[in-house]
Amino acid sequence: MNTPVSPDDLLLIGAIAGPFGIKGQIKLKSFTDNPDYLRRHLRTIFVGKKLVPYNLTKLHEHKPGVLILTLSEVETREAVDELRGSEVFIRQSDAAPLAKDEYYLHDLIGLQVSTDDGHAIGTVREIIQTGVHEVLIVTRSGQPDALIPLVREFVVNLDLADRQVVIRPIEGLL
């Protein structure tokens, strides 16, 4: 519990929306798509900018996108109110294992982007989550940023090991 954590080792799983009931339960707006795995395996969460560790004693899905957490250190509604709005993180090692073709979005930052005919485009600076699909924001030298939807129609190869994204642009994409 006292082992220091680095923000680089953490994944954001949600934000505290407020209390649930009067006994210190926490309503969490969840960003995870696998709450059942967290319920079965997670024991420690980190809260807020200072990444304060808390012992998780219970977690259940209240409704899609909303989790209810019980932390051993938080026993009152007022204590939860003090945490309202705080982001909640877990160690990346505590997250569900990724499938072969899955990746974390933060792993895409810094990848080099080129076209399928070898033309260098730029570097992934940011990822926008639109609700439908993600969009890569690619910084280009001397040109405005390019917005590239992260869909198979455009992305023909995404290679994390080689730090490379290969796209097949359509007319007007760049």
Protein backbone atom coordinates (compact mmCIF):
# COMPACT_ATOMS: atom_id res chain seq x y z
CA MET A 1 0.00 0.00 0.00
CA ASN A 2 2.91 2.39 0.69
CA THR A 3 4.69 1.62 -2.59
CA PRO A 4 4.87 4.87 -4.58
CA VAL A 5 3.09 4.82 -7.92
CA SER A 6 3.99 6.68 -11.07
CA PRO A 7 1.22 8.32 -13.10
CA ASP A 8 2.71 6.49 -16.10
CA ASP A 9 1.80 3.16 -14.48
CA LEU A 10 -1.85 4.11 -13.96
CA LEU A 11 -5.06 3.93 -15.98
CA LEU A 12 -8.00 6.28 -15.50
CA ILE A 13 -11.15 4.24 -14.80
CA GLY A 14 -13.61 6.96 -13.81
CA ALA A 15 -14.54 10.03 -11.81
CA ILE A 16 -16.33 10.26 -8.48
CA ALA A 17 -19.85 11.56 -9.08
CA GLY A 18 -20.83 11.70 -5.42
CA PRO A 19 -22.18 9.65 -2.54
CA PHE A 20 -24.53 6.72 -2.90
CA GLY A 21 -26.61 6.35 0.24
CA ILE A 22 -25.48 7.49 3.68
CA LYS A 23 -22.79 4.96 4.62
CA GLY A 24 -19.87 6.16 2.53
CA GLN A 25 -20.54 4.32 -0.69
CA ILE A 26 -19.25 6.10 -3.78
CA LYS A 27 -20.98 6.57 -7.11
CA LEU A 28 -18.34 6.40 -9.86
CA LYS A 29 -18.90 7.53 -13.44
CA SER A 30 -17.03 4.67 -15.06
CA PHE A 31 -14.80 4.76 -18.15
CA THR A 32 -14.11 1.02 -18.08
CA ASP A 33 -15.81 -1.55 -20.26
CA ASN A 34 -14.97 -4.47 -17.97
CA PRO A 35 -16.35 -3.74 -14.47
CA ASP A 36 -16.79 -7.44 -13.73
CA TYR A 37 -13.04 -8.02 -14.01
CA LEU A 38 -12.39 -5.09 -11.67
CA ARG A 39 -14.97 -6.43 -9.19
CA ARG A 40 -13.18 -9.77 -9.05
CA HIS A 41 -9.53 -8.62 -9.08
CA LEU A 42 -9.13 -5.03 -7.92
CA ARG A 43 -8.02 -4.26 -4.35
CA THR A 44 -6.47 -0.76 -4.52
CA ILE A 45 -7.52 2.42 -6.31
CA PHE A 46 -5.78 5.80 -6.48
CA VAL A 47 -7.82 8.96 -6.14
CA GLY A 48 -7.23 12.56 -7.19
CA LYS A 49 -4.17 14.49 -8.33
CA LYS A 50 -2.15 13.26 -5.34
CA LEU A 51 -2.99 9.63 -6.23
CA VAL A 52 -4.06 8.77 -2.69
CA PRO A 53 -4.36 4.99 -2.36
CA TYR A 54 -7.61 3.49 -1.01
CA ASN A 55 -8.51 -0.12 -0.22
CA LEU A 56 -11.46 -1.26 -2.31
CA THR A 57 -13.70 -3.62 -0.35
CA LYS A 58 -16.68 -3.82 -2.71
CA LEU A 59 -17.55 -2.83 -6.27
CA HIS A 60 -20.71 -3.44 -8.24
CA GLU A 61 -22.27 -2.10 -11.41
CA HIS A 62 -25.31 0.01 -10.52
CA LYS A 63 -26.21 0.59 -14.17
CA PRO A 64 -24.18 0.87 -17.38
CA GLY A 65 -21.46 3.45 -16.87
CA VAL A 66 -22.06 3.77 -13.12
CA LEU A 67 -20.21 1.74 -10.49
CA ILE A 68 -20.78 1.76 -6.73
CA LEU A 69 -17.57 1.51 -4.69
CA THR A 70 -17.03 0.80 -1.00
CA LEU A 71 -13.64 1.85 0.36
CA SER A 72 -12.43 0.80 3.81
CA GLU A 73 -11.20 4.34 4.55
CA VAL A 74 -14.42 6.14 3.55
CA GLU A 75 -17.34 5.65 5.94
CA THR A 76 -19.60 8.70 5.62
CA ARG A 77 -21.52 10.59 2.98
CA GLU A 78 -19.53 13.73 3.93
CA ALA A 79 -16.23 11.94 3.29
CA VAL A 80 -17.45 11.02 -0.20
CA ASP A 81 -18.50 14.64 -0.82
CA GLU A 82 -14.88 15.69 -0.22
CA LEU A 83 -13.81 13.36 -3.04
CA ARG A 84 -16.54 14.45 -5.49
CA GLY A 85 -15.13 15.18 -8.96
CA SER A 86 -11.84 13.36 -8.29
CA GLU A 87 -10.48 11.06 -10.95
CA VAL A 88 -9.97 7.40 -10.00
CA PHE A 89 -7.03 5.37 -11.28
CA ILE A 90 -5.85 1.77 -11.09
CA ARG A 91 -2.44 0.25 -11.73
CA GLN A 92 -2.17 -0.82 -15.36
CA SER A 93 -1.08 -4.23 -14.05
CA ASP A 94 -4.48 -4.54 -12.27
CA ALA A 95 -6.44 -4.02 -15.50
CA ALA A 96 -7.95 -6.86 -17.51
CA PRO A 97 -5.44 -8.43 -19.89
CA LEU A 98 -5.63 -7.07 -23.41
CA ALA A 99 -6.57 -9.28 -26.34
CA LYS A 100 -4.13 -9.66 -29.23
CA ASP A 101 -5.61 -6.80 -31.28
CA GLU A 102 -6.35 -4.48 -28.31
CA TYR A 103 -4.29 -1.58 -26.95
CA TYR A 104 -4.57 1.33 -24.58
CA LEU A 105 -5.24 4.65 -26.27
CA HIS A 106 -2.39 6.33 -24.39
CA ASP A 107 0.00 3.84 -26.06
CA LEU A 108 -0.77 5.48 -29.42
CA ILE A 109 0.66 8.88 -28.43
CA GLY A 110 3.96 9.45 -30.23
CA LEU A 111 3.43 6.85 -32.96
CA GLN A 112 4.71 7.83 -36.41
CA VAL A 113 2.01 8.00 -39.09
CA SER A 114 2.65 7.31 -42.76
CA THR A 115 0.58 6.39 -45.80
CA ASP A 116 0.51 2.91 -47.32
CA ASP A 117 2.70 4.21 -50.15
CA GLY A 118 5.42 5.30 -47.68
CA HIS A 119 4.71 9.05 -47.40
CA ALA A 120 5.43 10.33 -43.85
CA ILE A 121 2.47 12.24 -42.36
CA GLY A 122 3.46 13.11 -38.79
CA THR A 123 3.18 12.04 -35.15
CA VAL A 124 0.10 11.12 -33.08
CA ARG A 125 -0.26 13.94 -30.55
CA GLU A 126 -3.65 13.14 -29.05
CA ILE A 127 -6.68 10.88 -29.36
CA ILE A 128 -10.25 12.22 -29.33
CA GLN A 129 -13.01 9.86 -28.22
CA THR A 130 -16.15 10.78 -30.14
CA GLY A 131 -18.47 8.07 -28.85
CA VAL A 132 -18.58 6.42 -32.27
CA HIS A 133 -14.84 5.82 -32.75
CA GLU A 134 -11.56 7.40 -31.78
CA VAL A 135 -9.83 10.03 -33.90
CA LEU A 136 -6.06 10.43 -34.07
CA ILE A 137 -4.79 14.01 -33.99
CA VAL A 138 -1.58 13.93 -36.00
CA THR A 139 0.93 16.78 -35.80
CA ARG A 140 2.36 17.60 -39.25
CA SER A 141 5.42 19.73 -39.88
CA GLY A 142 4.47 23.09 -41.39
CA GLN A 143 0.82 22.09 -41.85
CA PRO A 144 -2.34 21.98 -39.73
CA ASP A 145 -2.94 18.87 -37.66
CA ALA A 146 -4.57 15.95 -39.47
CA LEU A 147 -7.62 14.22 -38.00
CA ILE A 148 -7.65 10.52 -38.84
CA PRO A 149 -10.54 8.28 -37.74
CA LEU A 150 -9.21 5.16 -36.04
CA VAL A 151 -11.19 2.74 -38.21
CA ARG A 152 -10.08 -0.13 -40.44
CA GLU A 153 -11.23 1.77 -43.53
CA PHE A 154 -8.32 4.22 -43.02
CA VAL A 155 -5.86 2.47 -40.68
CA VAL A 156 -4.29 -0.47 -42.49
CA ASN A 157 -1.62 -1.28 -39.89
CA LEU A 158 -1.11 -0.27 -36.27
CA ASP A 159 2.20 -1.61 -34.96
CA LEU A 160 2.93 -0.66 -31.34
CA ALA A 161 6.26 -2.50 -31.33
CA ASP A 162 7.57 -0.45 -34.29
CA ARG A 163 5.72 2.70 -33.06
CA GLN A 164 4.08 3.05 -36.49
CA VAL A 165 0.59 3.68 -37.90
CA VAL A 166 0.04 3.12 -41.63
CA ILE A 167 -3.04 4.72 -43.18
CA ARG A 168 -4.79 4.57 -46.53
CA PRO A 169 -6.09 8.12 -46.93
CA ILE A 170 -9.10 8.99 -49.04
CA GLU A 171 -9.42 12.22 -51.00
CA GLY A 172 -9.70 15.17 -48.62
CA LEU A 173 -8.58 13.32 -45.46
CA LEU A 174 -5.23 15.10 -45.32
